[in-house]
Amino acid sequence: MLAVQGYFDGSAFQALESVKVQKNQQVIITILDNIVEPPKKNDEERLKKIEALGGSLAEYAIKDGRSIDEIMELESKAWEQAVVEKYGKDDV
């Protein structure tokens, strides 16, 4: 058995540390009385994550006359928008 600290973000429980859990693995969640602030990520960390994702889908894009750089730019913007929509601008 392993104890992991985390918090509820309003829709799901988020672990505050890296943990490997298998799909359908049983867990026990204990709800505590205290409220914690979720960790904030600064803009530099957000940009590094977004940049690291860039190009991962470009090789599968339909060849429509666009350059790889154009496709990667579109993909980067799409990833950034998806991250902001999911996590909010200040929490990513």
PDB file of N, CA and C in Angstrom:
ATOM      1  N   MET A   1       0.847  -1.173   0.000  1.00  0.00           N
ATOM      2  CA  MET A   1       0.000   0.000   0.000  1.00  0.00           C
ATOM      3  C   MET A   1       0.892   1.234   0.000  1.00  0.00           C
ATOM      4  N   LEU A   2       0.425   2.290  -0.640  1.00  0.00           N
ATOM      5  CA  LEU A   2       1.180   3.528  -0.783  1.00  0.00           C
ATOM      6  C   LEU A   2       0.278   4.701  -0.431  1.00  0.00           C
ATOM      7  N   ALA A   3       0.749   5.643   0.376  1.00  0.00           N
ATOM      8  CA  ALA A   3      -0.011   6.851   0.703  1.00  0.00           C
ATOM      9  C   ALA A   3       0.497   7.990  -0.171  1.00  0.00           C
ATOM     10  N   VAL A   4      -0.415   8.722  -0.800  1.00  0.00           N
ATOM     11  CA  VAL A   4      -0.067   9.819  -1.700  1.00  0.00           C
ATOM     12  C   VAL A   4      -0.889  11.044  -1.313  1.00  0.00           C
ATOM     13  N   GLN A   5      -0.236  12.190  -1.175  1.00  0.00           N
ATOM     14  CA  GLN A   5      -0.960  13.420  -0.886  1.00  0.00           C
ATOM     15  C   GLN A   5      -1.473  14.036  -2.181  1.00  0.00           C
ATOM     16  N   GLY A   6      -2.587  14.741  -2.096  1.00  0.00           N
ATOM     17  CA  GLY A   6      -3.148  15.384  -3.261  1.00  0.00           C
ATOM     18  C   GLY A   6      -4.256  16.336  -2.873  1.00  0.00           C
ATOM     19  N   TYR A   7      -5.038  16.747  -3.850  1.00  0.00           N
ATOM     20  CA  TYR A   7      -6.147  17.661  -3.609  1.00  0.00           C
ATOM     21  C   TYR A   7      -7.224  17.429  -4.667  1.00  0.00           C
ATOM     22  N   PHE A   8      -8.414  17.937  -4.417  1.00  0.00           N
ATOM     23  CA  PHE A   8      -9.543  17.845  -5.348  1.00  0.00           C
ATOM     24  C   PHE A   8      -9.633  19.174  -6.076  1.00  0.00           C
ATOM     25  N   ASP A   9      -9.552  19.160  -7.420  1.00  0.00           N
ATOM     26  CA  ASP A   9      -9.547  20.409  -8.185  1.00  0.00           C
ATOM     27  C   ASP A   9     -10.935  20.875  -8.606  1.00  0.00           C
ATOM     28  N   GLY A  10     -11.960  20.242  -8.091  1.00  0.00           N
ATOM     29  CA  GLY A  10     -13.330  20.601  -8.448  1.00  0.00           C
ATOM     30  C   GLY A  10     -13.969  19.572  -9.352  1.00  0.00           C
ATOM     31  N   SER A  11     -13.148  18.776 -10.024  1.00  0.00           N
ATOM     32  CA  SER A  11     -13.695  17.732 -10.891  1.00  0.00           C
ATOM     33  C   SER A  11     -12.959  16.404 -10.757  1.00  0.00           C
ATOM     34  N   ALA A  12     -11.722  16.433 -10.285  1.00  0.00           N
ATOM     35  CA  ALA A  12     -10.946  15.195 -10.149  1.00  0.00           C
ATOM     36  C   ALA A  12      -9.927  15.350  -9.024  1.00  0.00           C
ATOM     37  N   PHE A  13      -9.453  14.246  -8.521  1.00  0.00           N
ATOM     38  CA  PHE A  13      -8.419  14.265  -7.506  1.00  0.00           C
ATOM     39  C   PHE A  13      -7.059  14.318  -8.196  1.00  0.00           C
ATOM     40  N   GLN A  14      -6.189  15.208  -7.719  1.00  0.00           N
ATOM     41  CA  GLN A  14      -4.869  15.410  -8.314  1.00  0.00           C
ATOM     42  C   GLN A  14      -3.799  15.045  -7.290  1.00  0.00           C
ATOM     43  N   ALA A  15      -2.875  14.171  -7.674  1.00  0.00           N
ATOM     44  CA  ALA A  15      -1.771  13.805  -6.788  1.00  0.00           C
ATOM     45  C   ALA A  15      -0.745  14.929  -6.766  1.00  0.00           C
ATOM     46  N   LEU A  16      -0.141  15.174  -5.614  1.00  0.00           N
ATOM     47  CA  LEU A  16       0.897  16.198  -5.493  1.00  0.00           C
ATOM     48  C   LEU A  16       2.295  15.626  -5.700  1.00  0.00           C
ATOM     49  N   GLU A  17       2.366  14.358  -6.012  1.00  0.00           N
ATOM     50  CA  GLU A  17       3.640  13.711  -6.280  1.00  0.00           C
ATOM     51  C   GLU A  17       3.442  12.683  -7.381  1.00  0.00           C
ATOM     52  N   SER A  18       4.525  12.328  -8.012  1.00  0.00           N
ATOM     53  CA  SER A  18       4.458  11.356  -9.096  1.00  0.00           C
ATOM     54  C   SER A  18       4.173   9.965  -8.538  1.00  0.00           C
ATOM     55  N   VAL A  19       3.208   9.302  -9.126  1.00  0.00           N
ATOM     56  CA  VAL A  19       2.850   7.960  -8.671  1.00  0.00           C
ATOM     57  C   VAL A  19       2.368   7.152  -9.866  1.00  0.00           C
ATOM     58  N   LYS A  20       2.761   5.900  -9.928  1.00  0.00           N
ATOM     59  CA  LYS A  20       2.303   5.019 -11.002  1.00  0.00           C
ATOM     60  C   LYS A  20       1.110   4.228 -10.499  1.00  0.00           C
ATOM     61  N   VAL A  21      -0.009   4.417 -11.166  1.00  0.00           N
ATOM     62  CA  VAL A  21      -1.231   3.703 -10.823  1.00  0.00           C
ATOM     63  C   VAL A  21      -1.740   3.042 -12.092  1.00  0.00           C
ATOM     64  N   GLN A  22      -2.065   1.784 -12.002  1.00  0.00           N
ATOM     65  CA  GLN A  22      -2.566   1.064 -13.167  1.00  0.00           C
ATOM     66  C   GLN A  22      -4.047   1.360 -13.359  1.00  0.00           C
ATOM     67  N   LYS A  23      -4.492   1.303 -14.607  1.00  0.00           N
ATOM     68  CA  LYS A  23      -5.903   1.475 -14.904  1.00  0.00           C
ATOM     69  C   LYS A  23      -6.700   0.432 -14.127  1.00  0.00           C
ATOM     70  N   ASN A  24      -7.788   0.884 -13.515  1.00  0.00           N
ATOM     71  CA  ASN A  24      -8.684   0.039 -12.722  1.00  0.00           C
ATOM     72  C   ASN A  24      -8.069  -0.434 -11.405  1.00  0.00           C
ATOM     73  N   GLN A  25      -6.933   0.117 -11.008  1.00  0.00           N
ATOM     74  CA  GLN A  25      -6.343  -0.242  -9.718  1.00  0.00           C
ATOM     75  C   GLN A  25      -7.171   0.397  -8.613  1.00  0.00           C
ATOM     76  N   GLN A  26      -7.498  -0.370  -7.605  1.00  0.00           N
ATOM     77  CA  GLN A  26      -8.300   0.130  -6.506  1.00  0.00           C
ATOM     78  C   GLN A  26      -7.488   1.111  -5.672  1.00  0.00           C
ATOM     79  N   VAL A  27      -8.123   2.202  -5.247  1.00  0.00           N
ATOM     80  CA  VAL A  27      -7.487   3.192  -4.387  1.00  0.00           C
ATOM     81  C   VAL A  27      -8.422   3.502  -3.225  1.00  0.00           C
ATOM     82  N   ILE A  28      -7.863   4.015  -2.156  1.00  0.00           N
ATOM     83  CA  ILE A  28      -8.648   4.502  -1.021  1.00  0.00           C
ATOM     84  C   ILE A  28      -8.379   6.004  -0.929  1.00  0.00           C
ATOM     85  N   ILE A  29      -9.419   6.806  -0.940  1.00  0.00           N
ATOM     86  CA  ILE A  29      -9.277   8.259  -0.860  1.00  0.00           C
ATOM     87  C   ILE A  29      -9.882   8.721   0.459  1.00  0.00           C
ATOM     88  N   THR A  30      -9.073   9.395   1.259  1.00  0.00           N
ATOM     89  CA  THR A  30      -9.527   9.928   2.537  1.00  0.00           C
ATOM     90  C   THR A  30      -9.656  11.441   2.403  1.00  0.00           C
ATOM     91  N   ILE A  31     -10.811  11.977   2.703  1.00  0.00           N
ATOM     92  CA  ILE A  31     -11.047  13.407   2.590  1.00  0.00           C
ATOM     93  C   ILE A  31     -10.721  14.057   3.933  1.00  0.00           C
ATOM     94  N   LEU A  32      -9.768  14.993   3.924  1.00  0.00           N
ATOM     95  CA  LEU A  32      -9.364  15.702   5.137  1.00  0.00           C
ATOM     96  C   LEU A  32     -10.126  17.016   5.253  1.00  0.00           C
ATOM     97  N   ASP A  33     -10.118  17.617   6.439  1.00  0.00           N
ATOM     98  CA  ASP A  33     -10.851  18.861   6.671  1.00  0.00           C
ATOM     99  C   ASP A  33     -10.126  20.104   6.163  1.00  0.00           C
ATOM    100  N   ASN A  34      -8.794  20.073   6.096  1.00  0.00           N
ATOM    101  CA  ASN A  34      -8.069  21.285   5.720  1.00  0.00           C
ATOM    102  C   ASN A  34      -8.082  21.524   4.210  1.00  0.00           C
ATOM    103  N   ILE A  35      -7.995  22.801   3.829  1.00  0.00           N
ATOM    104  CA  ILE A  35      -7.993  23.227   2.431  1.00  0.00           C
ATOM    105  C   ILE A  35      -6.568  23.633   2.078  1.00  0.00           C
ATOM    106  N   VAL A  36      -6.075  23.195   0.931  1.00  0.00           N
ATOM    107  CA  VAL A  36      -4.730  23.551   0.479  1.00  0.00           C
ATOM    108  C   VAL A  36      -4.821  24.313  -0.830  1.00  0.00           C
ATOM    109  N   GLU A  37      -3.820  25.110  -1.100  1.00  0.00           N
ATOM    110  CA  GLU A  37      -3.723  25.795  -2.382  1.00  0.00           C
ATOM    111  C   GLU A  37      -3.060  24.845  -3.371  1.00  0.00           C
ATOM    112  N   PRO A  38      -3.668  24.639  -4.545  1.00  0.00           N
ATOM    113  CA  PRO A  38      -3.015  23.790  -5.540  1.00  0.00           C
ATOM    114  C   PRO A  38      -1.717  24.439  -6.002  1.00  0.00           C
ATOM    115  N   PRO A  39      -0.741  23.635  -6.390  1.00  0.00           N
ATOM    116  CA  PRO A  39       0.534  24.202  -6.829  1.00  0.00           C
ATOM    117  C   PRO A  39       0.347  25.054  -8.077  1.00  0.00           C
ATOM    118  N   LYS A  40       1.043  26.173  -8.138  1.00  0.00           N
ATOM    119  CA  LYS A  40       0.999  27.066  -9.299  1.00  0.00           C
ATOM    120  C   LYS A  40       2.260  26.840 -10.123  1.00  0.00           C
ATOM    121  N   LYS A  41       2.113  26.885 -11.406  1.00  0.00           N
ATOM    122  CA  LYS A  41       3.259  26.758 -12.298  1.00  0.00           C
ATOM    123  C   LYS A  41       3.495  28.117 -12.934  1.00  0.00           C
ATOM    124  N   ASN A  42       4.728  28.561 -12.963  1.00  0.00           N
ATOM    125  CA  ASN A  42       5.006  29.873 -13.536  1.00  0.00           C
ATOM    126  C   ASN A  42       4.970  29.815 -15.065  1.00  0.00           C
ATOM    127  N   ASP A  43       4.958  30.970 -15.672  1.00  0.00           N
ATOM    128  CA  ASP A  43       4.837  31.057 -17.130  1.00  0.00           C
ATOM    129  C   ASP A  43       5.972  30.344 -17.856  1.00  0.00           C
ATOM    130  N   GLU A  44       7.179  30.388 -17.320  1.00  0.00           N
ATOM    131  CA  GLU A  44       8.319  29.740 -17.973  1.00  0.00           C
ATOM    132  C   GLU A  44       8.107  28.226 -18.046  1.00  0.00           C
ATOM    133  N   GLU A  45       7.636  27.616 -16.964  1.00  0.00           N
ATOM    134  CA  GLU A  45       7.364  26.176 -16.956  1.00  0.00           C
ATOM    135  C   GLU A  45       6.245  25.840 -17.936  1.00  0.00           C
ATOM    136  N   ARG A  46       5.211  26.694 -18.000  1.00  0.00           N
ATOM    137  CA  ARG A  46       4.099  26.479 -18.937  1.00  0.00           C
ATOM    138  C   ARG A  46       4.605  26.475 -20.366  1.00  0.00           C
ATOM    139  N   LEU A  47       5.432  27.472 -20.705  1.00  0.00           N
ATOM    140  CA  LEU A  47       5.947  27.568 -22.067  1.00  0.00           C
ATOM    141  C   LEU A  47       6.834  26.380 -22.421  1.00  0.00           C
ATOM    142  N   LYS A  48       7.647  25.923 -21.466  1.00  0.00           N
ATOM    143  CA  LYS A  48       8.500  24.752 -21.724  1.00  0.00           C
ATOM    144  C   LYS A  48       7.659  23.518 -22.023  1.00  0.00           C
ATOM    145  N   LYS A  49       6.562  23.334 -21.265  1.00  0.00           N
ATOM    146  CA  LYS A  49       5.685  22.192 -21.510  1.00  0.00           C
ATOM    147  C   LYS A  49       5.039  22.280 -22.885  1.00  0.00           C
ATOM    148  N   ILE A  50       4.569  23.463 -23.253  1.00  0.00           N
ATOM    149  CA  ILE A  50       3.923  23.647 -24.546  1.00  0.00           C
ATOM    150  C   ILE A  50       4.920  23.416 -25.677  1.00  0.00           C
ATOM    151  N   GLU A  51       6.127  23.969 -25.535  1.00  0.00           N
ATOM    152  CA  GLU A  51       7.154  23.797 -26.563  1.00  0.00           C
ATOM    153  C   GLU A  51       7.569  22.333 -26.702  1.00  0.00           C
ATOM    154  N   ALA A  52       7.602  21.611 -25.598  1.00  0.00           N
ATOM    155  CA  ALA A  52       7.987  20.198 -25.641  1.00  0.00           C
ATOM    156  C   ALA A  52       6.979  19.367 -26.425  1.00  0.00           C
ATOM    157  N   LEU A  53       5.724  19.806 -26.435  1.00  0.00           N
ATOM    158  CA  LEU A  53       4.691  19.087 -27.160  1.00  0.00           C
ATOM    159  C   LEU A  53       4.706  19.400 -28.658  1.00  0.00           C
ATOM    160  N   GLY A  54       5.288  20.510 -29.041  1.00  0.00           N
ATOM    161  CA  GLY A  54       5.300  20.939 -30.439  1.00  0.00           C
ATOM    162  C   GLY A  54       5.954  19.917 -31.354  1.00  0.00           C
ATOM    163  N   GLY A  55       5.325  19.689 -32.489  1.00  0.00           N
ATOM    164  CA  GLY A  55       5.876  18.785 -33.489  1.00  0.00           C
ATOM    165  C   GLY A  55       5.465  17.343 -33.316  1.00  0.00           C
ATOM    166  N   SER A  56       4.830  17.018 -32.209  1.00  0.00           N
ATOM    167  CA  SER A  56       4.508  15.622 -31.955  1.00  0.00           C
ATOM    168  C   SER A  56       3.463  15.070 -32.912  1.00  0.00           C
ATOM    169  N   LEU A  57       2.644  15.929 -33.494  1.00  0.00           N
ATOM    170  CA  LEU A  57       1.631  15.463 -34.437  1.00  0.00           C
ATOM    171  C   LEU A  57       1.890  15.909 -35.874  1.00  0.00           C
ATOM    172  N   ALA A  58       2.899  16.751 -36.073  1.00  0.00           N
ATOM    173  CA  ALA A  58       3.156  17.313 -37.399  1.00  0.00           C
ATOM    174  C   ALA A  58       3.406  16.233 -38.449  1.00  0.00           C
ATOM    175  N   GLU A  59       4.055  15.145 -38.071  1.00  0.00           N
ATOM    176  CA  GLU A  59       4.370  14.108 -39.043  1.00  0.00           C
ATOM    177  C   GLU A  59       3.115  13.412 -39.581  1.00  0.00           C
ATOM    178  N   TYR A  60       1.988  13.558 -38.870  1.00  0.00           N
ATOM    179  CA  TYR A  60       0.750  12.932 -39.295  1.00  0.00           C
ATOM    180  C   TYR A  60      -0.182  13.894 -40.042  1.00  0.00           C
ATOM    181  N   ALA A  61       0.204  15.153 -40.130  1.00  0.00           N
ATOM    182  CA  ALA A  61      -0.654  16.166 -40.753  1.00  0.00           C
ATOM    183  C   ALA A  61      -0.807  15.905 -42.248  1.00  0.00           C
ATOM    184  N   ILE A  62      -1.955  16.295 -42.776  1.00  0.00           N
ATOM    185  CA  ILE A  62      -2.217  16.161 -44.212  1.00  0.00           C
ATOM    186  C   ILE A  62      -1.313  17.133 -44.957  1.00  0.00           C
ATOM    187  N   LYS A  63      -0.670  16.655 -45.974  1.00  0.00           N
ATOM    188  CA  LYS A  63       0.218  17.509 -46.764  1.00  0.00           C
ATOM    189  C   LYS A  63      -0.646  18.370 -47.679  1.00  0.00           C
ATOM    190  N   ASP A  64      -0.808  19.630 -47.332  1.00  0.00           N
ATOM    191  CA  ASP A  64      -1.650  20.529 -48.116  1.00  0.00           C
ATOM    192  C   ASP A  64      -0.873  21.736 -48.624  1.00  0.00           C
ATOM    193  N   GLY A  65       0.420  21.570 -48.751  1.00  0.00           N
ATOM    194  CA  GLY A  65       1.237  22.657 -49.256  1.00  0.00           C
ATOM    195  C   GLY A  65       1.851  23.506 -48.157  1.00  0.00           C
ATOM    196  N   ARG A  66       1.485  23.249 -46.915  1.00  0.00           N
ATOM    197  CA  ARG A  66       2.077  24.004 -45.812  1.00  0.00           C
ATOM    198  C   ARG A  66       3.439  23.418 -45.471  1.00  0.00           C
ATOM    199  N   SER A  67       4.309  24.281 -45.009  1.00  0.00           N
ATOM    200  CA  SER A  67       5.618  23.807 -44.566  1.00  0.00           C
ATOM    201  C   SER A  67       5.480  23.164 -43.191  1.00  0.00           C
ATOM    202  N   ILE A  68       6.465  22.375 -42.822  1.00  0.00           N
ATOM    203  CA  ILE A  68       6.471  21.763 -41.501  1.00  0.00           C
ATOM    204  C   ILE A  68       6.446  22.848 -40.430  1.00  0.00           C
ATOM    205  N   ASP A  69       7.175  23.949 -40.661  1.00  0.00           N
ATOM    206  CA  ASP A  69       7.180  25.042 -39.688  1.00  0.00           C
ATOM    207  C   ASP A  69       5.788  25.632 -39.499  1.00  0.00           C
ATOM    208  N   GLU A  70       5.039  25.796 -40.596  1.00  0.00           N
ATOM    209  CA  GLU A  70       3.671  26.317 -40.498  1.00  0.00           C
ATOM    210  C   GLU A  70       2.773  25.348 -39.725  1.00  0.00           C
ATOM    211  N   ILE A  71       2.909  24.069 -40.022  1.00  0.00           N
ATOM    212  CA  ILE A  71       2.108  23.059 -39.333  1.00  0.00           C
ATOM    213  C   ILE A  71       2.449  23.035 -37.845  1.00  0.00           C
ATOM    214  N   MET A  72       3.744  23.104 -37.525  1.00  0.00           N
ATOM    215  CA  MET A  72       4.159  23.091 -36.126  1.00  0.00           C
ATOM    216  C   MET A  72       3.667  24.330 -35.386  1.00  0.00           C
ATOM    217  N   GLU A  73       3.642  25.472 -36.051  1.00  0.00           N
ATOM    218  CA  GLU A  73       3.126  26.694 -35.431  1.00  0.00           C
ATOM    219  C   GLU A  73       1.637  26.554 -35.127  1.00  0.00           C
ATOM    220  N   LEU A  74       0.864  26.016 -36.079  1.00  0.00           N
ATOM    221  CA  LEU A  74      -0.564  25.794 -35.864  1.00  0.00           C
ATOM    222  C   LEU A  74      -0.784  24.804 -34.719  1.00  0.00           C
ATOM    223  N   GLU A  75       0.018  23.758 -34.710  1.00  0.00           N
ATOM    224  CA  GLU A  75      -0.096  22.745 -33.666  1.00  0.00           C
ATOM    225  C   GLU A  75       0.243  23.333 -32.294  1.00  0.00           C
ATOM    226  N   SER A  76       1.291  24.141 -32.239  1.00  0.00           N
ATOM    227  CA  SER A  76       1.687  24.772 -30.982  1.00  0.00           C
ATOM    228  C   SER A  76       0.559  25.642 -30.435  1.00  0.00           C
ATOM    229  N   LYS A  77      -0.069  26.409 -31.303  1.00  0.00           N
ATOM    230  CA  LYS A  77      -1.183  27.263 -30.877  1.00  0.00           C
ATOM    231  C   LYS A  77      -2.363  26.417 -30.404  1.00  0.00           C
ATOM    232  N   ALA A  78      -2.618  25.310 -31.084  1.00  0.00           N
ATOM    233  CA  ALA A  78      -3.725  24.429 -30.695  1.00  0.00           C
ATOM    234  C   ALA A  78      -3.452  23.803 -29.331  1.00  0.00           C
ATOM    235  N   TRP A  79      -2.210  23.359 -29.098  1.00  0.00           N
ATOM    236  CA  TRP A  79      -1.855  22.779 -27.802  1.00  0.00           C
ATOM    237  C   TRP A  79      -1.999  23.819 -26.704  1.00  0.00           C
ATOM    238  N   GLU A  80      -1.479  25.027 -26.954  1.00  0.00           N
ATOM    239  CA  GLU A  80      -1.552  26.077 -25.950  1.00  0.00           C
ATOM    240  C   GLU A  80      -3.007  26.398 -25.609  1.00  0.00           C
ATOM    241  N   GLN A  81      -3.842  26.488 -26.625  1.00  0.00           N
ATOM    242  CA  GLN A  81      -5.259  26.776 -26.395  1.00  0.00           C
ATOM    243  C   GLN A  81      -5.918  25.652 -25.598  1.00  0.00           C
ATOM    244  N   ALA A  82      -5.603  24.406 -25.931  1.00  0.00           N
ATOM    245  CA  ALA A  82      -6.192  23.270 -25.218  1.00  0.00           C
ATOM    246  C   ALA A  82      -5.755  23.249 -23.758  1.00  0.00           C
ATOM    247  N   VAL A  83      -4.498  23.556 -23.495  1.00  0.00           N
ATOM    248  CA  VAL A  83      -3.986  23.576 -22.128  1.00  0.00           C
ATOM    249  C   VAL A  83      -4.672  24.683 -21.327  1.00  0.00           C
ATOM    250  N   VAL A  84      -4.809  25.871 -21.924  1.00  0.00           N
ATOM    251  CA  VAL A  84      -5.462  26.983 -21.235  1.00  0.00           C
ATOM    252  C   VAL A  84      -6.923  26.651 -20.966  1.00  0.00           C
ATOM    253  N   GLU A  85      -7.599  26.031 -21.942  1.00  0.00           N
ATOM    254  CA  GLU A  85      -9.003  25.669 -21.752  1.00  0.00           C
ATOM    255  C   GLU A  85      -9.160  24.639 -20.633  1.00  0.00           C
ATOM    256  N   LYS A  86      -8.231  23.699 -20.544  1.00  0.00           N
ATOM    257  CA  LYS A  86      -8.347  22.649 -19.535  1.00  0.00           C
ATOM    258  C   LYS A  86      -7.921  23.117 -18.147  1.00  0.00           C
ATOM    259  N   TYR A  87      -6.806  23.862 -18.065  1.00  0.00           N
ATOM    260  CA  TYR A  87      -6.236  24.181 -16.772  1.00  0.00           C
ATOM    261  C   TYR A  87      -6.358  25.651 -16.381  1.00  0.00           C
ATOM    262  N   GLY A  88      -6.769  26.491 -17.288  1.00  0.00           N
ATOM    263  CA  GLY A  88      -6.831  27.920 -16.992  1.00  0.00           C
ATOM    264  C   GLY A  88      -5.491  28.582 -17.248  1.00  0.00           C
ATOM    265  N   LYS A  89      -5.515  29.872 -17.469  1.00  0.00           N
ATOM    266  CA  LYS A  89      -4.293  30.577 -17.850  1.00  0.00           C
ATOM    267  C   LYS A  89      -3.254  30.638 -16.740  1.00  0.00           C
ATOM    268  N   ASP A  90      -3.670  30.777 -15.485  1.00  0.00           N
ATOM    269  CA  ASP A  90      -2.716  30.938 -14.391  1.00  0.00           C
ATOM    270  C   ASP A  90      -2.251  29.619 -13.792  1.00  0.00           C
ATOM    271  N   ASP A  91      -2.945  28.535 -14.026  1.00  0.00           N
ATOM    272  CA  ASP A  91      -2.643  27.268 -13.351  1.00  0.00           C
ATOM    273  C   ASP A  91      -1.850  26.303 -14.208  1.00  0.00           C
ATOM    274  N   VAL A  92      -1.467  26.674 -15.410  1.00  0.00           N
ATOM    275  CA  VAL A  92      -0.789  25.738 -16.302  1.00  0.00           C
ATOM    276  C   VAL A  92       0.689  25.872 -16.171  1.00  0.00           C
TER     277      VAL A  92
END
